[in-house]
């Protein structure tokens, strides 16, 4: 049977249970921490915990964001396919500085903006067949947990108050910057503090980073807490949601390559300095999507959104295919020509699959029937071999197309029983890919 979705609404997690089966190969994932492909071994046999960064809720997600969400979707689906129970948390950081700035700019409440962005995200995720937990972790509902972590950091001398705010001292965590491999020899000799939640661009802020914003006049989002009135910074929001829903340790932490600058090392420093244990064993980062050879940016006016591309004649399965076909660690160039080529390739694949699974053909001689059965059986072997190689979706698709082409060379329909078997096999693979049928 294909994997089924099991919702755990009380904890806001999604567990996928797949039928256990025997696999001759180990899944290998490229671990950013070690800069090598490693065999994946969960902390607890048969169970996987994954944290994936969610969309910013002060603006609608663009197609580059969805490329990240889609490689994570393939990962979660494939782990379930391999018979593992997956607990995944994806989050909304809905109270960061940029959200509050956008609310002032628009003259609206932050929660109204966040609700609109979340609604669009859910709609577009459904279109792209991204499986999500029914309940998404939100920074605005994890404030008590953020405060609890801050109090513990203060008690351990890892954080301190300054002019009504709380800051974390990175150098008090001995492995700070280990994911990025930050050269700490560049660290300033004098005290430097960074008060904003986020800073533009791929840069490192060499200094103490903020954990808590004390209340200021005109603040739109303020909570009464055990450490006073204010709000948690973006830097503590992920650790709060992670520990609230998954605990201090996960198996895999995913995100885009931008998160290598500051964000994921900040999370590691906070979580590991509190627990004394390794936070994640595997770190996955997806590469950028660029447009016509250039990075997306507001100043260039080249930010692209799923609905915009779909209005151009693409179907959602075309866009899903385009965004996952190229390996997630390689930069993807969005152009009209590349989109058309991808759509055409997928249409050819789906058309061939439909012809071969229609059935209605005559019985085959024994030797030919065995050949067809061998080709069908090889679909799974090819698929698993490529997905086990750091989620090589494109190579898996190419192998499927080659097998189907070999089956279609006779130019005649398959007998009903073989057609049903082929469709069942493709359906199983499509539980991971989401665009074959």
Protein backbone atom coordinates (compact mmCIF):
# COMPACT_ATOMS: atom_id res chain seq x y z
CA UNK A 1 0.00 0.00 0.00
CA UNK A 2 1.16 3.57 -0.56
CA UNK A 3 1.94 5.74 2.45
CA UNK A 4 -1.01 7.28 4.25
CA UNK A 5 -1.17 10.60 6.07
CA UNK A 6 -1.79 10.47 9.80
CA UNK A 7 -2.55 13.82 11.43
CA UNK A 8 -1.60 14.57 15.04
CA UNK A 9 -3.46 17.83 15.57
CA UNK A 10 -2.73 18.13 19.27
CA UNK A 11 0.96 18.60 18.52
CA UNK A 12 0.71 20.18 15.10
CA UNK A 13 2.77 17.45 13.46
CA UNK A 14 2.34 15.36 10.37
CA UNK A 15 3.30 11.72 10.49
CA UNK A 16 3.52 9.70 7.30
CA UNK A 17 3.47 5.95 7.67
CA UNK A 18 4.65 3.81 4.81
CA UNK A 19 4.57 0.07 4.44
CA UNK A 20 7.80 -1.38 5.75
CA UNK A 21 9.83 -3.14 3.08
CA UNK A 22 13.33 -4.39 2.46
CA UNK A 23 15.76 -1.96 0.86
CA UNK A 24 19.13 -3.18 -0.39
CA UNK A 25 20.62 0.35 -0.46
CA UNK A 26 20.94 3.06 2.13
CA UNK A 27 19.52 6.51 1.50
CA UNK A 28 22.37 8.99 1.20
CA UNK A 29 21.89 12.71 1.80
CA UNK A 30 24.33 15.56 1.32
CA UNK A 31 24.96 16.91 4.80
CA UNK A 32 25.95 20.58 4.76
CA UNK A 33 27.60 20.13 8.16
CA UNK A 34 30.14 17.61 6.85
CA UNK A 35 30.07 18.79 3.19
CA UNK A 36 29.71 15.14 2.14
CA UNK A 37 27.00 12.63 1.27
CA UNK A 38 26.24 10.46 4.29
CA UNK A 39 24.10 7.40 4.85
CA UNK A 40 20.91 8.45 6.57
CA UNK A 41 20.37 6.80 9.93
CA UNK A 42 17.58 8.19 12.15
CA UNK A 43 18.17 8.59 15.86
CA UNK A 44 15.24 6.27 16.58
CA UNK A 45 14.77 3.28 14.32
CA UNK A 46 11.76 3.68 12.05
CA UNK A 47 11.06 7.31 13.02
CA UNK A 48 12.29 10.61 11.64
CA UNK A 49 11.96 14.15 12.98
CA UNK A 50 12.32 16.98 10.47
CA UNK A 51 12.23 20.73 10.87
CA UNK A 52 11.69 22.83 7.75
CA UNK A 53 11.64 26.61 7.66
CA UNK A 54 8.29 27.94 6.47
CA UNK A 55 7.35 31.02 4.47
CA UNK A 56 7.71 34.58 5.68
CA UNK A 57 4.20 35.83 6.35
CA UNK A 58 4.74 39.54 5.66
CA UNK A 59 4.73 38.88 1.90
CA UNK A 60 3.51 36.15 -0.44
CA UNK A 61 5.94 33.31 -1.19
CA UNK A 62 7.60 33.43 -4.59
CA UNK A 63 8.44 30.54 -6.88
CA UNK A 64 11.95 30.25 -5.39
CA UNK A 65 10.43 29.64 -1.96
CA UNK A 66 8.27 26.91 -3.44
CA UNK A 67 11.29 25.21 -4.93
CA UNK A 68 12.60 24.82 -1.37
CA UNK A 69 9.23 23.59 -0.06
CA UNK A 70 9.07 21.08 -2.91
CA UNK A 71 12.44 19.43 -2.35
CA UNK A 72 11.42 19.11 1.29
CA UNK A 73 8.12 17.58 0.16
CA UNK A 74 9.98 14.99 -1.94
CA UNK A 75 12.19 14.18 1.07
CA UNK A 76 9.24 13.67 3.41
CA UNK A 77 7.36 11.57 0.87
CA UNK A 78 10.39 9.41 0.12
CA UNK A 79 11.13 8.74 3.76
CA UNK A 80 7.54 7.58 4.13
CA UNK A 81 7.89 5.48 0.99
CA UNK A 82 10.83 3.77 2.68
CA UNK A 83 8.56 2.80 5.57
CA UNK A 84 9.55 5.49 8.08
CA UNK A 85 7.21 7.46 10.30
CA UNK A 86 7.94 11.14 9.71
CA UNK A 87 7.21 13.90 12.20
CA UNK A 88 7.60 17.20 10.43
CA UNK A 89 7.26 20.76 11.63
CA UNK A 90 7.00 23.69 9.23
CA UNK A 91 6.57 27.13 10.72
CA UNK A 92 5.28 30.65 10.22
CA UNK A 93 7.47 33.40 11.73
CA UNK A 94 4.61 35.87 11.91
CA UNK A 95 5.96 38.51 14.31
CA UNK A 96 9.36 39.46 12.89
CA UNK A 97 10.53 43.01 12.25
CA UNK A 98 9.67 42.90 8.56
CA UNK A 99 6.09 41.92 9.34
CA UNK A 100 5.70 44.87 11.69
CA UNK A 101 7.27 47.25 9.15
CA UNK A 102 4.89 45.98 6.48
CA UNK A 103 1.92 46.45 8.81
CA UNK A 104 2.90 50.08 9.41
CA UNK A 105 3.43 50.64 5.69
CA UNK A 106 0.01 49.20 4.83
CA UNK A 107 -1.81 50.57 7.86
CA UNK A 108 -3.08 47.10 8.75
CA UNK A 109 -2.73 44.71 11.67
CA UNK A 110 0.06 42.12 11.47
CA UNK A 111 -2.34 39.23 12.05
CA UNK A 112 -4.49 40.30 9.10
CA UNK A 113 -1.49 40.34 6.76
CA UNK A 114 -0.26 37.01 8.12
CA UNK A 115 -3.69 35.43 7.63
CA UNK A 116 -3.85 36.56 4.00
CA UNK A 117 -0.36 35.28 3.22
CA UNK A 118 -1.04 31.97 4.99
CA UNK A 119 -4.27 31.50 3.03
CA UNK A 120 -2.46 32.01 -0.26
CA UNK A 121 0.35 29.69 0.81
CA UNK A 122 -2.07 26.88 1.65
CA UNK A 123 -3.87 27.35 -1.66
CA UNK A 124 -0.68 27.30 -3.74
CA UNK A 125 0.74 24.38 -1.75
CA UNK A 126 -2.38 22.38 -2.60
CA UNK A 127 -2.01 23.28 -6.28
CA UNK A 128 1.58 22.05 -6.25
CA UNK A 129 0.61 18.92 -4.29
CA UNK A 130 2.80 19.82 -1.32
CA UNK A 131 1.76 17.79 1.70
CA UNK A 132 1.62 19.89 4.84
CA UNK A 133 0.70 19.30 8.46
CA UNK A 134 -2.85 20.43 9.16
CA UNK A 135 -1.52 22.62 11.95
CA UNK A 136 1.47 24.88 11.27
CA UNK A 137 3.70 26.06 14.11
CA UNK A 138 3.47 29.83 14.56
CA UNK A 139 5.83 32.20 16.34
CA UNK A 140 2.87 34.18 17.70
CA UNK A 141 1.57 31.12 19.57
CA UNK A 142 5.01 30.02 20.81
CA UNK A 143 5.85 33.18 22.79
CA UNK A 144 5.71 31.45 26.20
CA UNK A 145 8.19 28.85 24.96
CA UNK A 146 10.47 31.58 23.59
CA UNK A 147 10.38 33.33 26.97
CA UNK A 148 11.20 30.06 28.72
CA UNK A 149 14.26 29.54 26.53
CA UNK A 150 15.41 33.13 27.05
CA UNK A 151 15.13 32.78 30.82
CA UNK A 152 17.26 29.65 30.69
CA UNK A 153 19.86 31.37 28.52
CA UNK A 154 19.98 34.29 30.94
CA UNK A 155 20.37 31.94 33.90
CA UNK A 156 23.29 30.16 32.20
CA UNK A 157 25.04 33.44 31.44
CA UNK A 158 24.74 32.93 27.68
CA UNK A 159 22.45 35.93 27.25
CA UNK A 160 22.22 39.32 28.92
CA UNK A 161 20.03 42.42 29.21
CA UNK A 162 21.02 45.65 27.51
CA UNK A 163 18.81 48.74 27.39
CA UNK A 164 15.62 46.73 27.77
CA UNK A 165 16.50 44.05 25.21
CA UNK A 166 18.11 40.62 25.57
CA UNK A 167 21.13 39.57 23.51
CA UNK A 168 22.91 36.26 22.97
CA UNK A 169 26.69 36.09 23.24
CA UNK A 170 27.78 33.73 20.44
CA UNK A 171 31.34 33.29 21.62
CA UNK A 172 30.11 31.67 24.83
CA UNK A 173 29.04 28.72 22.67
CA UNK A 174 32.31 27.04 21.74
CA UNK A 175 31.18 25.71 18.35
CA UNK A 176 29.53 28.88 17.09
CA UNK A 177 29.48 29.12 13.30
CA UNK A 178 30.35 25.44 12.75
CA UNK A 179 27.71 24.89 10.06
CA UNK A 180 28.88 27.81 7.92
CA UNK A 181 32.49 27.24 9.02
CA UNK A 182 32.77 30.82 10.12
CA UNK A 183 36.28 32.17 10.65
CA UNK A 184 36.06 33.47 14.21
CA UNK A 185 39.43 35.20 13.89
CA UNK A 186 37.47 38.01 12.24
CA UNK A 187 35.40 38.58 15.38
CA UNK A 188 35.68 42.18 16.66
CA UNK A 189 37.60 42.82 19.87
CA UNK A 190 35.03 45.34 21.10
CA UNK A 191 31.40 44.57 21.92
CA UNK A 192 29.05 44.83 18.92
CA UNK A 193 25.30 44.25 19.09
CA UNK A 194 22.80 43.67 16.29
CA UNK A 195 19.29 44.78 17.26
CA UNK A 196 17.33 43.98 14.11
CA UNK A 197 15.72 40.60 13.52
CA UNK A 198 17.14 40.20 10.04
CA UNK A 199 19.61 42.00 7.82
CA UNK A 200 19.59 42.22 4.05
CA UNK A 201 21.85 40.02 1.96
CA UNK A 202 24.20 37.16 2.56
CA UNK A 203 26.33 38.66 5.29
CA UNK A 204 27.55 37.71 8.72
CA UNK A 205 26.90 40.01 11.64
CA UNK A 206 29.99 39.57 13.78
CA UNK A 207 28.62 40.38 17.21
CA UNK A 208 25.88 39.59 19.71
CA UNK A 209 22.41 38.99 18.28
CA UNK A 210 19.05 39.93 19.73
CA UNK A 211 16.67 37.50 21.43
CA UNK A 212 14.05 39.79 22.95
CA UNK A 213 12.71 43.20 21.96
CA UNK A 214 11.60 45.14 25.01
CA UNK A 215 8.48 47.24 24.45
CA UNK A 216 8.93 50.52 22.61
CA UNK A 217 6.42 53.26 21.95
CA UNK A 218 4.27 52.41 18.95
CA UNK A 219 5.00 48.67 18.96
CA UNK A 220 2.23 46.75 17.20
CA UNK A 221 2.91 43.35 18.77
CA UNK A 222 3.60 43.15 22.50
CA UNK A 223 3.14 40.36 25.04
CA UNK A 224 2.99 40.48 28.84
CA UNK A 225 5.48 37.82 29.96
CA UNK A 226 7.61 36.67 32.86
CA UNK A 227 10.49 38.83 31.55
CA UNK A 228 8.36 41.90 30.92
CA UNK A 229 6.47 43.42 28.01
CA UNK A 230 7.88 42.92 24.55
CA UNK A 231 8.22 40.29 21.85
CA UNK A 232 10.65 37.52 20.92
CA UNK A 233 13.09 38.24 18.12
CA UNK A 234 13.20 36.21 14.94
CA UNK A 235 16.38 34.54 16.21
CA UNK A 236 14.61 32.77 19.09
CA UNK A 237 11.36 32.00 17.26
CA UNK A 238 12.56 28.88 15.44
CA UNK A 239 14.18 27.38 18.56
CA UNK A 240 10.93 28.02 20.45
CA UNK A 241 8.78 26.27 17.85
CA UNK A 242 11.28 23.43 17.39
CA UNK A 243 11.48 22.63 21.09
CA UNK A 244 7.76 23.06 21.62
CA UNK A 245 6.83 20.58 18.89
CA UNK A 246 9.87 18.31 18.39
CA UNK A 247 12.10 18.69 21.41
CA UNK A 248 15.79 19.66 21.40
CA UNK A 249 16.87 17.08 18.86
CA UNK A 250 15.76 16.33 15.30
CA UNK A 251 17.16 14.14 12.57
CA UNK A 252 17.05 16.56 9.64
CA UNK A 253 16.98 20.35 9.43
CA UNK A 254 16.05 21.73 6.00
CA UNK A 255 15.97 25.12 4.35
CA UNK A 256 17.27 27.26 1.54
CA UNK A 257 20.92 28.15 1.03
CA UNK A 258 20.25 31.65 2.43
CA UNK A 259 19.80 30.09 5.87
CA UNK A 260 23.49 29.21 5.92
CA UNK A 261 24.18 32.87 6.63
CA UNK A 262 23.52 33.38 10.34
CA UNK A 263 20.11 31.79 10.74
CA UNK A 264 20.83 28.09 11.11
CA UNK A 265 24.01 28.69 13.09
CA UNK A 266 22.01 30.93 15.44
CA UNK A 267 19.50 28.11 15.95
CA UNK A 268 22.27 25.60 16.59
CA UNK A 269 23.98 27.86 19.12
CA UNK A 270 20.79 28.46 21.11
CA UNK A 271 19.57 24.86 21.10
CA UNK A 272 22.87 23.11 21.72
CA UNK A 273 24.05 25.53 24.39
CA UNK A 274 20.86 24.77 26.32
CA UNK A 275 20.67 21.01 25.80
CA UNK A 276 24.35 20.09 25.59
CA UNK A 277 23.39 17.73 22.75
CA UNK A 278 23.62 17.76 18.98
CA UNK A 279 20.52 19.46 17.55
CA UNK A 280 20.38 17.85 14.07
CA UNK A 281 22.41 15.08 12.49
CA UNK A 282 21.74 16.19 8.91
CA UNK A 283 21.42 19.66 7.37
CA UNK A 284 19.97 20.04 3.88
CA UNK A 285 20.04 23.28 1.90
CA UNK A 286 18.43 23.97 -1.46
CA UNK A 287 20.07 26.20 -4.07
CA UNK A 288 18.64 29.42 -5.47
CA UNK A 289 16.18 29.80 -8.28
CA UNK A 290 17.19 32.62 -10.64
CA UNK A 291 15.19 34.30 -13.40
CA UNK A 292 16.65 34.74 -16.87
CA UNK A 293 20.11 34.23 -15.39
CA UNK A 294 19.74 36.83 -12.63
CA UNK A 295 18.83 36.64 -8.94
CA UNK A 296 15.25 37.55 -8.08
CA UNK A 297 14.87 40.94 -6.43
CA UNK A 298 12.32 43.67 -5.99
CA UNK A 299 14.70 46.21 -7.50
CA UNK A 300 15.02 44.15 -10.69
CA UNK A 301 11.27 43.63 -10.83
CA UNK A 302 11.78 39.95 -11.62
CA UNK A 303 10.13 38.23 -8.66
CA UNK A 304 7.90 35.46 -9.99
CA UNK A 305 4.92 33.82 -8.29
CA UNK A 306 3.22 30.48 -9.00
CA UNK A 307 -0.14 31.97 -10.00
CA UNK A 308 1.58 34.28 -12.48
CA UNK A 309 3.31 31.33 -14.18
CA UNK A 310 0.16 29.23 -14.18
CA UNK A 311 -1.76 32.00 -15.93
CA UNK A 312 0.69 31.57 -18.80
CA UNK A 313 -0.78 28.21 -19.75
CA UNK A 314 1.11 25.88 -17.42
CA UNK A 315 -0.69 23.32 -15.29
CA UNK A 316 0.28 22.91 -11.63
CA UNK A 317 1.89 19.53 -12.32
CA UNK A 318 4.11 21.19 -14.94
CA UNK A 319 5.38 23.70 -12.39
CA UNK A 320 5.92 21.03 -9.73
CA UNK A 321 7.91 19.00 -12.26
CA UNK A 322 10.01 21.97 -13.34
CA UNK A 323 10.87 22.90 -9.75
CA UNK A 324 11.96 19.40 -8.67
CA UNK A 325 13.50 17.96 -11.83
CA UNK A 326 16.86 19.69 -11.48
CA UNK A 327 18.79 18.58 -8.40
CA UNK A 328 17.86 20.64 -5.37
CA UNK A 329 21.48 21.61 -4.67
CA UNK A 330 21.99 23.07 -8.14
CA UNK A 331 20.87 26.56 -9.13
CA UNK A 332 17.75 26.56 -11.32
CA UNK A 333 17.25 29.12 -14.09
CA UNK A 334 13.62 30.09 -14.66
CA UNK A 335 13.04 31.09 -18.27
CA UNK A 336 10.05 30.76 -20.56
CA UNK A 337 11.97 28.34 -22.76
CA UNK A 338 13.04 26.15 -19.83
CA UNK A 339 9.46 26.03 -18.56
CA UNK A 340 8.13 25.03 -21.99
CA UNK A 341 10.75 22.30 -22.35
CA UNK A 342 9.94 20.91 -18.93
CA UNK A 343 6.18 20.95 -19.62
CA UNK A 344 6.70 19.22 -22.96
CA UNK A 345 8.88 16.53 -21.39
CA UNK A 346 6.37 15.84 -18.65
CA UNK A 347 3.48 15.74 -21.14
CA UNK A 348 5.35 13.14 -23.19
CA UNK A 349 5.98 11.07 -20.07
CA UNK A 350 2.37 11.23 -18.90
CA UNK A 351 1.04 10.50 -22.38
CA UNK A 352 3.24 7.41 -22.69
CA UNK A 353 2.22 6.25 -19.21
CA UNK A 354 -1.47 6.71 -20.09
CA UNK A 355 -1.11 4.70 -23.32
CA UNK A 356 0.72 1.86 -21.62
CA UNK A 357 -1.68 1.62 -18.68
CA UNK A 358 -4.85 1.74 -20.80
CA UNK A 359 -4.81 -2.04 -21.28
CA UNK A 360 -6.93 -3.82 -23.84
CA UNK A 361 -4.07 -5.52 -25.65
CA UNK A 362 -3.86 -9.20 -26.62
CA UNK A 363 -2.08 -11.82 -24.55
CA UNK A 364 1.69 -11.86 -25.02
CA UNK A 365 3.98 -14.79 -25.71
CA UNK A 366 5.67 -16.02 -22.55
CA UNK A 367 9.07 -14.56 -23.45
CA UNK A 368 7.58 -11.13 -24.24
CA UNK A 369 5.47 -11.19 -21.08
CA UNK A 370 8.59 -11.89 -19.02
CA UNK A 371 10.38 -9.00 -20.73
CA UNK A 372 7.53 -6.63 -19.90
CA UNK A 373 7.39 -7.85 -16.31
CA UNK A 374 11.14 -7.30 -15.97
CA UNK A 375 10.83 -3.74 -17.29
CA UNK A 376 8.02 -2.99 -14.84
CA UNK A 377 10.00 -4.44 -11.93
CA UNK A 378 13.05 -2.40 -12.94
CA UNK A 379 11.06 0.84 -12.60
CA UNK A 380 11.20 0.61 -8.84
CA UNK A 381 14.85 -0.37 -8.73
CA UNK A 382 15.85 2.56 -10.94
CA UNK A 383 13.66 4.94 -8.99
CA UNK A 384 14.98 3.94 -5.58
CA UNK A 385 18.58 3.91 -6.76
CA UNK A 386 18.33 7.53 -7.89
CA UNK A 387 16.29 8.81 -4.94
CA UNK A 388 18.74 7.11 -2.58
CA UNK A 389 21.49 9.20 -4.21
CA UNK A 390 20.64 12.47 -2.44
CA UNK A 391 17.14 12.72 -3.91
CA UNK A 392 18.16 12.74 -7.59
CA UNK A 393 14.66 13.29 -8.94
CA UNK A 394 15.73 14.23 -12.46
CA UNK A 395 17.72 11.03 -12.95
CA UNK A 396 14.82 9.00 -11.54
CA UNK A 397 12.43 10.60 -14.04
CA UNK A 398 14.82 9.97 -16.93
CA UNK A 399 15.08 6.32 -15.92
CA UNK A 400 11.28 5.98 -15.74
CA UNK A 401 10.90 7.52 -19.19
CA UNK A 402 13.52 5.17 -20.62
CA UNK A 403 11.74 2.12 -19.17
CA UNK A 404 8.37 3.27 -20.49
CA UNK A 405 9.88 3.94 -23.90
CA UNK A 406 11.26 0.41 -23.95
CA UNK A 407 7.81 -0.94 -23.07
CA UNK A 408 6.21 1.11 -25.82
CA UNK A 409 8.49 0.01 -28.67
CA UNK A 410 6.13 -2.76 -29.75
CA UNK A 411 3.46 -0.14 -30.55
CA UNK A 412 0.71 -2.33 -29.12
CA UNK A 413 -1.38 -2.12 -26.00
CA UNK A 414 -0.47 -4.17 -22.95
CA UNK A 415 -2.81 -6.89 -21.73
CA UNK A 416 -5.11 -5.75 -18.94
CA UNK A 417 -3.23 -7.56 -16.14
CA UNK A 418 0.16 -6.12 -17.11
CA UNK A 419 -1.35 -2.68 -17.65
CA UNK A 420 -2.84 -2.78 -14.14
CA UNK A 421 0.49 -3.87 -12.71
CA UNK A 422 2.28 -1.04 -14.49
CA UNK A 423 -0.24 1.53 -13.30
CA UNK A 424 0.06 0.28 -9.72
CA UNK A 425 3.84 0.56 -9.90
CA UNK A 426 3.71 4.07 -11.35
CA UNK A 427 1.15 5.02 -8.73
CA UNK A 428 3.49 3.89 -6.01
CA UNK A 429 6.32 5.98 -7.42
CA UNK A 430 3.96 8.90 -7.84
CA UNK A 431 3.28 8.89 -4.11
CA UNK A 432 6.75 10.44 -3.96
CA UNK A 433 6.92 12.42 -7.22
CA UNK A 434 3.38 13.77 -7.43
CA UNK A 435 3.27 14.41 -11.18
CA UNK A 436 3.30 11.09 -13.05
CA UNK A 437 -0.41 10.30 -13.18
